[in-house]
């Protein structure tokens, strides 16, 4: 359930973008009606209407996501705050400058922030983020905890590079597909493979 909750803005972005691609005049009409005051110069290229509408919907979804947690007095994870701030900055820049460059950079910046968090925590603050989350459920050798943290840092770094490659070497449509696949396919697959590898080390706590 938490996975779907975290994925909520990404799914809305994908669905809205796909709708916009198939209904460009309608998407442009929505941009002119609701976003013109936020767009530099007041006008934008109709070809960018799908990405602008999708970005606007994502911004609203992210605000609703964070607000729902705060209203219910639930803890907002640090990574969710980081994601929220980045989408606000890069999504806002996408709309204001009516350029898809910013929103395409957003996943990479987010991935590299996560990578940097793991590296800094482990080597500067001597704290293992994965261990902090999982230690109550499982026990692993110290070296395995360290390798696990580095594996996640490496994963986020590679995904950041891959996002840049897909974003600027292929069409926006291909990038949008990759963005969704990376969240619902690649990341879960990485977790499954990692879990299978770690199963021989795990000692469940009483």
N, C-alpha and C. Protein backbone atom coordinates (compact mmCIF):
# COMPACT_ATOMS: atom_id res chain seq x y z
N UNK A 1 0.83 -1.20 0.00
CA UNK A 1 0.00 0.00 0.00
C UNK A 1 0.87 1.26 0.00
N UNK A 2 1.93 1.27 0.81
CA UNK A 2 2.83 2.43 0.85
C UNK A 2 3.50 2.64 -0.50
N UNK A 3 3.85 1.52 -1.17
CA UNK A 3 4.49 1.61 -2.47
C UNK A 3 3.57 2.33 -3.46
N UNK A 4 2.29 1.96 -3.47
CA UNK A 4 1.33 2.61 -4.36
C UNK A 4 1.12 4.07 -3.99
N UNK A 5 1.14 4.35 -2.69
CA UNK A 5 0.99 5.74 -2.24
C UNK A 5 2.16 6.59 -2.73
N UNK A 6 3.38 6.07 -2.61
CA UNK A 6 4.56 6.80 -3.07
C UNK A 6 4.56 6.96 -4.58
N UNK A 7 3.96 5.98 -5.27
CA UNK A 7 3.95 5.97 -6.73
C UNK A 7 2.84 6.84 -7.32
N UNK A 8 1.94 7.30 -6.49
CA UNK A 8 0.76 8.04 -6.91
C UNK A 8 1.06 9.18 -7.88
N UNK A 9 1.99 10.11 -7.58
CA UNK A 9 2.27 11.21 -8.51
C UNK A 9 2.84 10.72 -9.84
N UNK A 10 3.66 9.66 -9.81
CA UNK A 10 4.27 9.14 -11.04
C UNK A 10 3.20 8.57 -11.96
N UNK A 11 2.27 7.81 -11.40
CA UNK A 11 1.19 7.23 -12.19
C UNK A 11 0.33 8.33 -12.81
N UNK A 12 -0.01 9.35 -12.03
CA UNK A 12 -0.81 10.45 -12.55
C UNK A 12 -0.08 11.19 -13.67
N UNK A 13 1.24 11.38 -13.51
CA UNK A 13 2.02 12.03 -14.55
C UNK A 13 1.92 11.24 -15.85
N UNK A 14 2.11 9.93 -15.76
CA UNK A 14 2.10 9.07 -16.94
C UNK A 14 0.73 9.10 -17.62
N UNK A 15 -0.33 8.90 -16.83
CA UNK A 15 -1.69 8.87 -17.39
C UNK A 15 -2.05 10.21 -18.04
N UNK A 16 -1.73 11.31 -17.36
CA UNK A 16 -2.06 12.63 -17.89
C UNK A 16 -1.26 12.94 -19.15
N UNK A 17 0.01 12.57 -19.15
CA UNK A 17 0.85 12.82 -20.33
C UNK A 17 0.32 12.04 -21.53
N UNK A 18 -0.04 10.76 -21.31
CA UNK A 18 -0.56 9.95 -22.40
C UNK A 18 -1.87 10.53 -22.93
N UNK A 19 -2.73 10.99 -22.01
CA UNK A 19 -3.96 11.63 -22.45
C UNK A 19 -3.65 12.88 -23.27
N UNK A 20 -2.72 13.70 -22.80
CA UNK A 20 -2.36 14.92 -23.49
C UNK A 20 -1.81 14.67 -24.88
N UNK A 21 -1.03 13.62 -25.02
CA UNK A 21 -0.47 13.27 -26.32
C UNK A 21 -1.57 12.96 -27.33
N UNK A 22 -2.63 12.32 -26.85
CA UNK A 22 -3.72 11.95 -27.74
C UNK A 22 -4.76 13.03 -27.91
N UNK A 23 -4.65 14.09 -27.12
CA UNK A 23 -5.62 15.18 -27.18
C UNK A 23 -4.88 16.52 -27.05
N UNK A 24 -3.98 16.78 -27.97
CA UNK A 24 -3.14 17.98 -27.89
C UNK A 24 -3.95 19.27 -27.86
N UNK A 25 -4.96 19.45 -28.73
CA UNK A 25 -5.74 20.70 -28.67
C UNK A 25 -6.40 20.91 -27.31
N UNK A 26 -6.95 19.83 -26.73
CA UNK A 26 -7.59 19.94 -25.42
C UNK A 26 -6.55 20.25 -24.35
N UNK A 27 -5.38 19.63 -24.46
CA UNK A 27 -4.31 19.89 -23.49
C UNK A 27 -3.85 21.33 -23.59
N UNK A 28 -3.71 21.84 -24.81
CA UNK A 28 -3.29 23.22 -25.00
C UNK A 28 -4.33 24.18 -24.45
N UNK A 29 -5.61 23.82 -24.62
CA UNK A 29 -6.69 24.65 -24.09
C UNK A 29 -6.61 24.74 -22.57
N UNK A 30 -6.29 23.62 -21.92
CA UNK A 30 -6.15 23.61 -20.46
C UNK A 30 -4.94 24.43 -20.02
N UNK A 31 -3.86 24.36 -20.79
CA UNK A 31 -2.66 25.16 -20.48
C UNK A 31 -3.01 26.63 -20.54
N UNK A 32 -3.70 27.04 -21.61
CA UNK A 32 -4.05 28.45 -21.78
C UNK A 32 -5.02 28.92 -20.70
N UNK A 33 -5.90 28.04 -20.27
CA UNK A 33 -6.92 28.42 -19.29
C UNK A 33 -6.38 28.47 -17.87
N UNK A 34 -5.55 27.48 -17.51
CA UNK A 34 -5.15 27.35 -16.11
C UNK A 34 -3.66 27.67 -15.84
N UNK A 35 -2.83 27.59 -16.85
CA UNK A 35 -1.39 27.76 -16.60
C UNK A 35 -0.77 28.99 -17.23
N UNK A 36 -1.52 29.70 -18.05
CA UNK A 36 -0.94 30.84 -18.77
C UNK A 36 -0.33 31.88 -17.84
N UNK A 37 -0.94 32.05 -16.66
CA UNK A 37 -0.40 33.04 -15.72
C UNK A 37 0.89 32.57 -15.05
N UNK A 38 1.18 31.28 -15.16
CA UNK A 38 2.40 30.73 -14.55
C UNK A 38 3.50 30.51 -15.59
N UNK A 39 3.17 30.69 -16.87
CA UNK A 39 4.12 30.46 -17.95
C UNK A 39 4.76 31.78 -18.34
N UNK A 40 6.09 31.78 -18.46
CA UNK A 40 6.81 32.98 -18.85
C UNK A 40 6.34 33.44 -20.24
N UNK A 41 5.89 34.68 -20.34
CA UNK A 41 5.40 35.19 -21.60
C UNK A 41 3.93 34.92 -21.83
N UNK A 42 3.35 34.04 -21.02
CA UNK A 42 1.91 33.77 -21.11
C UNK A 42 1.50 32.79 -22.19
N UNK A 43 2.42 32.38 -23.07
CA UNK A 43 2.08 31.42 -24.13
C UNK A 43 3.14 30.34 -24.19
N UNK A 44 2.79 29.20 -24.76
CA UNK A 44 3.74 28.11 -24.88
C UNK A 44 3.47 27.34 -26.16
N UNK A 45 4.44 26.55 -26.57
CA UNK A 45 4.32 25.71 -27.76
C UNK A 45 3.27 24.63 -27.51
N UNK A 46 2.27 24.50 -28.39
CA UNK A 46 1.26 23.45 -28.22
C UNK A 46 1.86 22.05 -28.08
N UNK A 47 3.00 21.83 -28.69
CA UNK A 47 3.64 20.52 -28.61
C UNK A 47 4.06 20.17 -27.18
N UNK A 48 4.23 21.22 -26.35
CA UNK A 48 4.63 21.01 -24.96
C UNK A 48 3.45 20.91 -24.02
N UNK A 49 2.24 21.09 -24.54
CA UNK A 49 1.04 21.06 -23.70
C UNK A 49 0.91 19.77 -22.89
N UNK A 50 1.13 18.58 -23.49
CA UNK A 50 1.00 17.34 -22.70
C UNK A 50 1.93 17.29 -21.49
N UNK A 51 3.19 17.70 -21.68
CA UNK A 51 4.16 17.63 -20.59
C UNK A 51 3.85 18.69 -19.54
N UNK A 52 3.35 19.85 -19.96
CA UNK A 52 3.02 20.91 -19.00
C UNK A 52 1.82 20.52 -18.14
N UNK A 53 0.80 19.95 -18.77
CA UNK A 53 -0.38 19.51 -18.01
C UNK A 53 -0.01 18.37 -17.07
N UNK A 54 0.78 17.42 -17.57
CA UNK A 54 1.19 16.29 -16.73
C UNK A 54 2.02 16.77 -15.54
N UNK A 55 2.88 17.75 -15.78
CA UNK A 55 3.70 18.29 -14.69
C UNK A 55 2.83 19.00 -13.67
N UNK A 56 1.87 19.78 -14.13
CA UNK A 56 0.98 20.49 -13.21
C UNK A 56 0.19 19.51 -12.35
N UNK A 57 -0.30 18.45 -12.96
CA UNK A 57 -1.05 17.43 -12.22
C UNK A 57 -0.15 16.76 -11.18
N UNK A 58 1.11 16.53 -11.55
CA UNK A 58 2.05 15.92 -10.62
C UNK A 58 2.33 16.82 -9.43
N UNK A 59 2.46 18.12 -9.67
CA UNK A 59 2.67 19.07 -8.59
C UNK A 59 1.49 19.04 -7.61
N UNK A 60 0.29 19.06 -8.16
CA UNK A 60 -0.91 19.02 -7.31
C UNK A 60 -0.97 17.70 -6.54
N UNK A 61 -0.68 16.59 -7.22
CA UNK A 61 -0.71 15.28 -6.57
C UNK A 61 0.30 15.20 -5.43
N UNK A 62 1.48 15.78 -5.64
CA UNK A 62 2.51 15.76 -4.60
C UNK A 62 2.09 16.58 -3.39
N UNK A 63 1.45 17.73 -3.65
CA UNK A 63 0.96 18.56 -2.55
C UNK A 63 -0.12 17.82 -1.76
N UNK A 64 -1.03 17.17 -2.48
CA UNK A 64 -2.09 16.39 -1.82
C UNK A 64 -1.48 15.24 -1.02
N UNK A 65 -0.47 14.60 -1.59
CA UNK A 65 0.19 13.47 -0.94
C UNK A 65 0.80 13.88 0.40
N UNK A 66 1.58 14.95 0.39
CA UNK A 66 2.22 15.43 1.61
C UNK A 66 1.18 15.95 2.60
N UNK A 67 0.19 16.71 2.10
CA UNK A 67 -0.84 17.28 2.97
C UNK A 67 -1.64 16.21 3.67
N UNK A 68 -1.95 15.12 2.96
CA UNK A 68 -2.73 14.04 3.57
C UNK A 68 -2.01 13.42 4.76
N UNK A 69 -0.69 13.30 4.63
CA UNK A 69 0.10 12.75 5.73
C UNK A 69 0.15 13.72 6.91
N UNK A 70 0.35 14.99 6.61
CA UNK A 70 0.44 15.99 7.67
C UNK A 70 -0.90 16.14 8.40
N UNK A 71 -2.00 16.13 7.64
CA UNK A 71 -3.32 16.26 8.25
C UNK A 71 -3.61 15.09 9.18
N UNK A 72 -3.19 13.88 8.77
CA UNK A 72 -3.41 12.69 9.59
C UNK A 72 -2.32 12.50 10.64
N UNK A 73 -1.40 13.49 10.69
CA UNK A 73 -0.29 13.47 11.64
C UNK A 73 0.56 12.21 11.51
N UNK A 74 0.77 11.83 10.25
CA UNK A 74 1.65 10.71 9.95
C UNK A 74 3.05 11.23 9.65
N UNK A 75 4.04 10.40 9.89
CA UNK A 75 5.41 10.80 9.63
C UNK A 75 5.67 10.86 8.13
N UNK A 76 6.28 11.95 7.69
CA UNK A 76 6.68 12.09 6.29
C UNK A 76 8.15 11.71 6.19
N UNK A 77 8.43 10.62 5.49
CA UNK A 77 9.82 10.16 5.37
C UNK A 77 10.70 11.23 4.74
N UNK A 78 11.97 11.23 5.13
CA UNK A 78 12.92 12.21 4.60
C UNK A 78 12.99 12.13 3.08
N UNK A 79 12.97 10.91 2.54
CA UNK A 79 13.07 10.75 1.09
C UNK A 79 11.84 11.30 0.38
N UNK A 80 10.68 11.23 1.03
CA UNK A 80 9.47 11.79 0.44
C UNK A 80 9.53 13.31 0.45
N UNK A 81 10.11 13.89 1.51
CA UNK A 81 10.31 15.33 1.54
C UNK A 81 11.26 15.77 0.42
N UNK A 82 12.35 15.02 0.24
CA UNK A 82 13.32 15.34 -0.81
C UNK A 82 12.64 15.30 -2.17
N UNK A 83 11.86 14.24 -2.39
CA UNK A 83 11.14 14.11 -3.66
C UNK A 83 10.18 15.26 -3.87
N UNK A 84 9.49 15.67 -2.81
CA UNK A 84 8.53 16.77 -2.89
C UNK A 84 9.21 18.07 -3.27
N UNK A 85 10.31 18.37 -2.61
CA UNK A 85 11.03 19.62 -2.88
C UNK A 85 11.55 19.65 -4.31
N UNK A 86 12.10 18.53 -4.76
CA UNK A 86 12.67 18.47 -6.11
C UNK A 86 11.59 18.62 -7.18
N UNK A 87 10.45 17.95 -6.99
CA UNK A 87 9.38 18.07 -7.99
C UNK A 87 8.81 19.48 -7.99
N UNK A 88 8.76 20.13 -6.84
CA UNK A 88 8.27 21.51 -6.80
C UNK A 88 9.21 22.44 -7.58
N UNK A 89 10.51 22.26 -7.38
CA UNK A 89 11.49 23.13 -8.04
C UNK A 89 11.56 22.85 -9.54
N UNK A 90 11.76 21.60 -9.90
CA UNK A 90 11.95 21.26 -11.32
C UNK A 90 10.62 21.28 -12.08
N UNK A 91 9.53 20.89 -11.40
CA UNK A 91 8.23 20.97 -12.04
C UNK A 91 7.81 22.41 -12.26
N UNK A 92 8.06 23.24 -11.25
CA UNK A 92 7.75 24.66 -11.39
C UNK A 92 8.55 25.31 -12.50
N UNK A 93 9.82 24.95 -12.61
CA UNK A 93 10.68 25.51 -13.68
C UNK A 93 10.21 25.04 -15.05
N UNK A 94 9.73 23.80 -15.13
CA UNK A 94 9.21 23.27 -16.40
C UNK A 94 8.04 24.10 -16.89
N UNK A 95 7.13 24.42 -15.98
CA UNK A 95 5.95 25.20 -16.36
C UNK A 95 6.33 26.65 -16.67
N UNK A 96 7.12 27.26 -15.80
CA UNK A 96 7.46 28.68 -15.99
C UNK A 96 8.23 28.92 -17.28
N UNK A 97 9.24 28.08 -17.52
CA UNK A 97 10.07 28.26 -18.72
C UNK A 97 9.53 27.49 -19.92
N UNK A 98 8.35 26.86 -19.74
CA UNK A 98 7.73 25.98 -20.76
C UNK A 98 8.79 25.17 -21.51
N UNK A 99 9.53 24.39 -20.73
CA UNK A 99 10.60 23.54 -21.27
C UNK A 99 10.59 22.20 -20.54
N UNK A 100 10.61 21.11 -21.31
CA UNK A 100 10.60 19.78 -20.69
C UNK A 100 11.97 19.35 -20.16
N UNK A 101 12.99 20.17 -20.39
CA UNK A 101 14.34 19.83 -19.92
C UNK A 101 14.37 19.65 -18.40
N UNK A 102 13.71 20.55 -17.70
CA UNK A 102 13.75 20.52 -16.24
C UNK A 102 13.10 19.26 -15.67
N UNK A 103 11.91 18.92 -16.16
CA UNK A 103 11.22 17.75 -15.62
C UNK A 103 11.95 16.47 -15.99
N UNK A 104 12.67 16.48 -17.12
CA UNK A 104 13.44 15.30 -17.50
C UNK A 104 14.67 15.12 -16.61
N UNK A 105 15.20 16.21 -16.09
CA UNK A 105 16.33 16.13 -15.17
C UNK A 105 15.90 15.73 -13.77
N UNK A 106 14.62 15.93 -13.44
CA UNK A 106 14.14 15.71 -12.09
C UNK A 106 14.44 14.31 -11.55
N UNK A 107 14.14 13.20 -12.28
CA UNK A 107 14.45 11.88 -11.74
C UNK A 107 15.93 11.68 -11.44
N UNK A 108 16.79 12.20 -12.33
CA UNK A 108 18.23 12.05 -12.11
C UNK A 108 18.68 12.78 -10.86
N UNK A 109 18.21 14.01 -10.68
CA UNK A 109 18.57 14.77 -9.48
C UNK A 109 18.08 14.04 -8.23
N UNK A 110 16.86 13.49 -8.30
CA UNK A 110 16.31 12.75 -7.17
C UNK A 110 17.12 11.50 -6.88
N UNK A 111 17.44 10.73 -7.92
CA UNK A 111 18.24 9.51 -7.75
C UNK A 111 19.61 9.83 -7.16
N UNK A 112 20.23 10.90 -7.64
CA UNK A 112 21.56 11.23 -7.15
C UNK A 112 21.54 11.81 -5.74
N UNK A 113 20.43 12.43 -5.37
CA UNK A 113 20.27 12.86 -3.97
C UNK A 113 20.20 11.65 -3.06
N UNK A 114 19.46 10.64 -3.48
CA UNK A 114 19.37 9.39 -2.72
C UNK A 114 20.75 8.73 -2.63
N UNK A 115 21.44 8.69 -3.76
CA UNK A 115 22.79 8.10 -3.79
C UNK A 115 23.70 8.85 -2.82
N UNK A 116 23.67 10.17 -2.89
CA UNK A 116 24.51 10.97 -2.00
C UNK A 116 24.16 10.77 -0.55
N UNK A 117 22.86 10.57 -0.25
CA UNK A 117 22.44 10.35 1.14
C UNK A 117 23.03 9.06 1.68
N UNK A 118 23.00 8.00 0.88
CA UNK A 118 23.56 6.72 1.31
C UNK A 118 25.06 6.81 1.52
N UNK A 119 25.75 7.47 0.59
CA UNK A 119 27.21 7.58 0.68
C UNK A 119 27.63 8.44 1.87
N UNK A 120 27.00 9.60 2.03
CA UNK A 120 27.34 10.48 3.15
C UNK A 120 27.04 9.83 4.49
N UNK A 121 25.89 9.17 4.57
CA UNK A 121 25.52 8.52 5.83
C UNK A 121 26.55 7.46 6.21
N UNK A 122 26.99 6.69 5.22
CA UNK A 122 27.90 5.59 5.53
C UNK A 122 29.32 6.03 5.80
N UNK A 123 29.83 6.96 5.00
CA UNK A 123 31.25 7.30 5.10
C UNK A 123 31.53 8.56 5.92
N UNK A 124 30.56 9.44 6.05
CA UNK A 124 30.78 10.67 6.81
C UNK A 124 30.16 10.57 8.20
N UNK A 125 28.89 10.13 8.23
CA UNK A 125 28.19 10.07 9.52
C UNK A 125 28.24 8.70 10.17
N UNK A 126 28.88 7.73 9.47
CA UNK A 126 29.03 6.37 10.00
C UNK A 126 27.69 5.76 10.39
N UNK A 127 26.71 5.97 9.52
CA UNK A 127 25.37 5.44 9.78
C UNK A 127 24.85 4.74 8.53
N UNK A 128 24.33 3.54 8.72
CA UNK A 128 23.81 2.77 7.60
C UNK A 128 22.29 2.95 7.52
N UNK A 129 21.82 3.62 6.47
CA UNK A 129 20.41 3.94 6.36
C UNK A 129 19.54 2.69 6.21
N UNK A 130 20.02 1.72 5.44
CA UNK A 130 19.27 0.48 5.25
C UNK A 130 19.14 -0.27 6.58
N UNK A 131 20.24 -0.30 7.32
CA UNK A 131 20.22 -0.99 8.61
C UNK A 131 19.24 -0.32 9.58
N UNK A 132 19.19 1.00 9.54
CA UNK A 132 18.29 1.74 10.42
C UNK A 132 16.84 1.32 10.19
N UNK A 133 16.50 1.08 8.93
CA UNK A 133 15.13 0.73 8.58
C UNK A 133 14.82 -0.74 8.82
N UNK A 134 15.78 -1.62 8.53
CA UNK A 134 15.50 -3.06 8.50
C UNK A 134 15.96 -3.85 9.72
N UNK A 135 16.80 -3.27 10.54
CA UNK A 135 17.41 -4.05 11.62
C UNK A 135 16.39 -4.62 12.61
N UNK A 136 15.27 -3.95 12.77
CA UNK A 136 14.26 -4.46 13.69
C UNK A 136 13.62 -5.75 13.18
N UNK A 137 13.68 -5.96 11.85
CA UNK A 137 13.07 -7.15 11.27
C UNK A 137 14.07 -8.29 11.03
N UNK A 138 15.29 -7.94 10.65
CA UNK A 138 16.28 -8.97 10.31
C UNK A 138 17.64 -8.63 10.87
N UNK A 139 18.48 -9.65 11.02
CA UNK A 139 19.85 -9.47 11.46
C UNK A 139 20.79 -9.91 10.33
N UNK A 140 21.75 -9.07 10.03
CA UNK A 140 22.71 -9.37 8.98
C UNK A 140 24.11 -9.08 9.47
N UNK A 141 25.13 -9.77 8.92
CA UNK A 141 26.51 -9.45 9.28
C UNK A 141 26.83 -8.01 8.91
N UNK A 142 27.75 -7.41 9.64
CA UNK A 142 28.10 -6.00 9.44
C UNK A 142 28.50 -5.71 7.99
N UNK A 143 29.31 -6.60 7.39
CA UNK A 143 29.77 -6.38 6.02
C UNK A 143 28.62 -6.42 5.03
N UNK A 144 27.63 -7.27 5.31
CA UNK A 144 26.47 -7.37 4.42
C UNK A 144 25.66 -6.07 4.47
N UNK A 145 25.49 -5.52 5.67
CA UNK A 145 24.80 -4.23 5.79
C UNK A 145 25.51 -3.16 4.96
N UNK A 146 26.82 -3.15 5.05
CA UNK A 146 27.62 -2.17 4.31
C UNK A 146 27.47 -2.36 2.81
N UNK A 147 27.55 -3.62 2.36
CA UNK A 147 27.42 -3.91 0.93
C UNK A 147 26.02 -3.55 0.43
N UNK A 148 25.04 -3.78 1.27
CA UNK A 148 23.66 -3.47 0.90
C UNK A 148 23.48 -1.97 0.69
N UNK A 149 24.05 -1.19 1.58
CA UNK A 149 23.96 0.26 1.46
C UNK A 149 24.66 0.75 0.19
N UNK A 150 25.83 0.20 -0.09
CA UNK A 150 26.57 0.59 -1.30
C UNK A 150 25.84 0.15 -2.56
N UNK A 151 25.18 -1.00 -2.48
CA UNK A 151 24.42 -1.49 -3.63
C UNK A 151 23.30 -0.51 -3.99
N UNK A 152 22.62 0.00 -2.96
CA UNK A 152 21.55 0.97 -3.21
C UNK A 152 22.12 2.28 -3.74
N UNK A 153 23.25 2.70 -3.21
CA UNK A 153 23.88 3.93 -3.70
C UNK A 153 24.25 3.76 -5.18
N UNK A 154 24.83 2.60 -5.51
CA UNK A 154 25.19 2.32 -6.90
C UNK A 154 23.97 2.25 -7.80
N UNK A 155 22.92 1.65 -7.30
CA UNK A 155 21.69 1.54 -8.08
C UNK A 155 21.14 2.92 -8.43
N UNK A 156 21.06 3.79 -7.43
CA UNK A 156 20.53 5.13 -7.68
C UNK A 156 21.42 5.93 -8.62
N UNK A 157 22.73 5.73 -8.51
CA UNK A 157 23.66 6.45 -9.40
C UNK A 157 23.46 6.00 -10.84
N UNK A 158 23.38 4.69 -11.05
CA UNK A 158 23.20 4.14 -12.40
C UNK A 158 21.85 4.56 -12.98
N UNK A 159 20.81 4.51 -12.15
CA UNK A 159 19.48 4.91 -12.63
C UNK A 159 19.46 6.38 -13.03
N UNK A 160 20.23 7.21 -12.32
CA UNK A 160 20.33 8.62 -12.68
C UNK A 160 20.96 8.80 -14.04
N UNK A 161 22.03 8.05 -14.30
CA UNK A 161 22.68 8.11 -15.61
C UNK A 161 21.75 7.59 -16.71
N UNK A 162 21.07 6.50 -16.41
CA UNK A 162 20.17 5.90 -17.40
C UNK A 162 19.03 6.85 -17.75
N UNK A 163 18.53 7.56 -16.75
CA UNK A 163 17.46 8.52 -17.01
C UNK A 163 17.92 9.62 -17.96
N UNK A 164 19.12 10.14 -17.73
CA UNK A 164 19.66 11.18 -18.61
C UNK A 164 19.76 10.67 -20.05
N UNK A 165 20.27 9.46 -20.19
CA UNK A 165 20.45 8.88 -21.52
C UNK A 165 19.11 8.75 -22.25
N UNK A 166 18.12 8.17 -21.57
CA UNK A 166 16.81 7.96 -22.20
C UNK A 166 16.13 9.31 -22.46
N UNK A 167 16.24 10.23 -21.53
CA UNK A 167 15.55 11.52 -21.64
C UNK A 167 16.02 12.34 -22.83
N UNK A 168 17.32 12.30 -23.12
CA UNK A 168 17.86 13.19 -24.13
C UNK A 168 18.34 12.50 -25.40
N UNK A 169 18.18 11.18 -25.45
CA UNK A 169 18.51 10.44 -26.67
C UNK A 169 17.28 9.87 -27.36
N UNK A 170 16.15 9.89 -26.66
CA UNK A 170 14.92 9.34 -27.20
C UNK A 170 13.79 10.37 -27.07
N UNK A 171 12.63 10.01 -27.59
CA UNK A 171 11.49 10.92 -27.55
C UNK A 171 10.96 11.07 -26.13
N UNK A 172 10.19 12.14 -25.91
CA UNK A 172 9.58 12.37 -24.60
C UNK A 172 8.63 11.23 -24.24
N UNK A 173 7.95 10.68 -25.25
CA UNK A 173 7.05 9.56 -25.03
C UNK A 173 7.82 8.34 -24.50
N UNK A 174 8.96 8.05 -25.10
CA UNK A 174 9.80 6.93 -24.64
C UNK A 174 10.29 7.18 -23.22
N UNK A 175 10.68 8.41 -22.95
CA UNK A 175 11.15 8.75 -21.60
C UNK A 175 10.05 8.57 -20.57
N UNK A 176 8.83 8.99 -20.89
CA UNK A 176 7.69 8.84 -19.97
C UNK A 176 7.44 7.36 -19.68
N UNK A 177 7.54 6.53 -20.72
CA UNK A 177 7.37 5.09 -20.53
C UNK A 177 8.45 4.54 -19.61
N UNK A 178 9.69 4.96 -19.86
CA UNK A 178 10.81 4.50 -19.04
C UNK A 178 10.65 4.94 -17.59
N UNK A 179 10.18 6.16 -17.40
CA UNK A 179 9.98 6.71 -16.05
C UNK A 179 9.04 5.83 -15.24
N UNK A 180 7.95 5.39 -15.87
CA UNK A 180 7.00 4.53 -15.17
C UNK A 180 7.57 3.13 -14.97
N UNK A 181 8.19 2.59 -16.03
CA UNK A 181 8.76 1.23 -15.95
C UNK A 181 9.82 1.14 -14.86
N UNK A 182 10.63 2.19 -14.73
CA UNK A 182 11.69 2.17 -13.72
C UNK A 182 11.13 2.06 -12.31
N UNK A 183 9.92 2.63 -12.10
CA UNK A 183 9.31 2.61 -10.78
C UNK A 183 8.53 1.34 -10.50
N UNK A 184 7.80 0.84 -11.50
CA UNK A 184 6.95 -0.34 -11.27
C UNK A 184 7.61 -1.64 -11.71
N UNK A 185 8.74 -1.54 -12.42
CA UNK A 185 9.40 -2.74 -12.90
C UNK A 185 10.83 -2.91 -12.43
N UNK A 186 11.68 -1.94 -12.74
CA UNK A 186 13.11 -2.07 -12.45
C UNK A 186 13.39 -2.06 -10.96
N UNK A 187 12.82 -1.08 -10.25
CA UNK A 187 13.08 -1.00 -8.81
C UNK A 187 12.56 -2.22 -8.05
N UNK A 188 11.32 -2.67 -8.27
CA UNK A 188 10.86 -3.90 -7.60
C UNK A 188 11.72 -5.11 -7.95
N UNK A 189 12.16 -5.20 -9.22
CA UNK A 189 13.01 -6.32 -9.63
C UNK A 189 14.34 -6.29 -8.88
N UNK A 190 14.89 -5.10 -8.70
CA UNK A 190 16.15 -4.95 -7.95
C UNK A 190 15.96 -5.41 -6.51
N UNK A 191 14.83 -5.06 -5.92
CA UNK A 191 14.54 -5.45 -4.54
C UNK A 191 14.40 -6.96 -4.42
N UNK A 192 13.72 -7.58 -5.39
CA UNK A 192 13.53 -9.04 -5.37
C UNK A 192 14.85 -9.77 -5.48
N UNK A 193 15.67 -9.35 -6.45
CA UNK A 193 16.98 -10.00 -6.63
C UNK A 193 17.84 -9.82 -5.39
N UNK A 194 17.81 -8.64 -4.82
CA UNK A 194 18.57 -8.35 -3.61
C UNK A 194 18.09 -9.21 -2.44
N UNK A 195 16.77 -9.38 -2.32
CA UNK A 195 16.20 -10.18 -1.24
C UNK A 195 16.61 -11.65 -1.37
N UNK A 196 16.63 -12.16 -2.60
CA UNK A 196 17.04 -13.54 -2.83
C UNK A 196 18.50 -13.74 -2.43
N UNK A 197 19.32 -12.76 -2.76
CA UNK A 197 20.75 -12.85 -2.42
C UNK A 197 20.97 -12.80 -0.91
N UNK A 198 20.17 -11.96 -0.24
CA UNK A 198 20.36 -11.76 1.20
C UNK A 198 19.70 -12.84 2.05
N UNK A 199 18.83 -13.63 1.46
CA UNK A 199 18.06 -14.60 2.24
C UNK A 199 18.96 -15.57 3.03
N UNK A 200 20.12 -15.91 2.47
CA UNK A 200 20.99 -16.86 3.16
C UNK A 200 21.67 -16.25 4.39
N UNK A 201 21.67 -14.92 4.46
CA UNK A 201 22.30 -14.25 5.60
C UNK A 201 21.31 -13.89 6.69
N UNK A 202 20.05 -13.83 6.33
CA UNK A 202 19.04 -13.30 7.24
C UNK A 202 18.77 -14.23 8.41
N UNK A 203 18.71 -13.60 9.58
CA UNK A 203 18.32 -14.32 10.79
C UNK A 203 17.17 -13.56 11.41
N UNK A 204 15.98 -14.09 11.28
CA UNK A 204 14.81 -13.37 11.79
C UNK A 204 14.89 -13.23 13.31
N UNK A 205 14.55 -12.04 13.78
CA UNK A 205 14.57 -11.78 15.21
C UNK A 205 13.31 -12.37 15.83
N UNK A 206 13.36 -12.80 17.10
CA UNK A 206 12.18 -13.38 17.77
C UNK A 206 11.06 -12.36 17.80
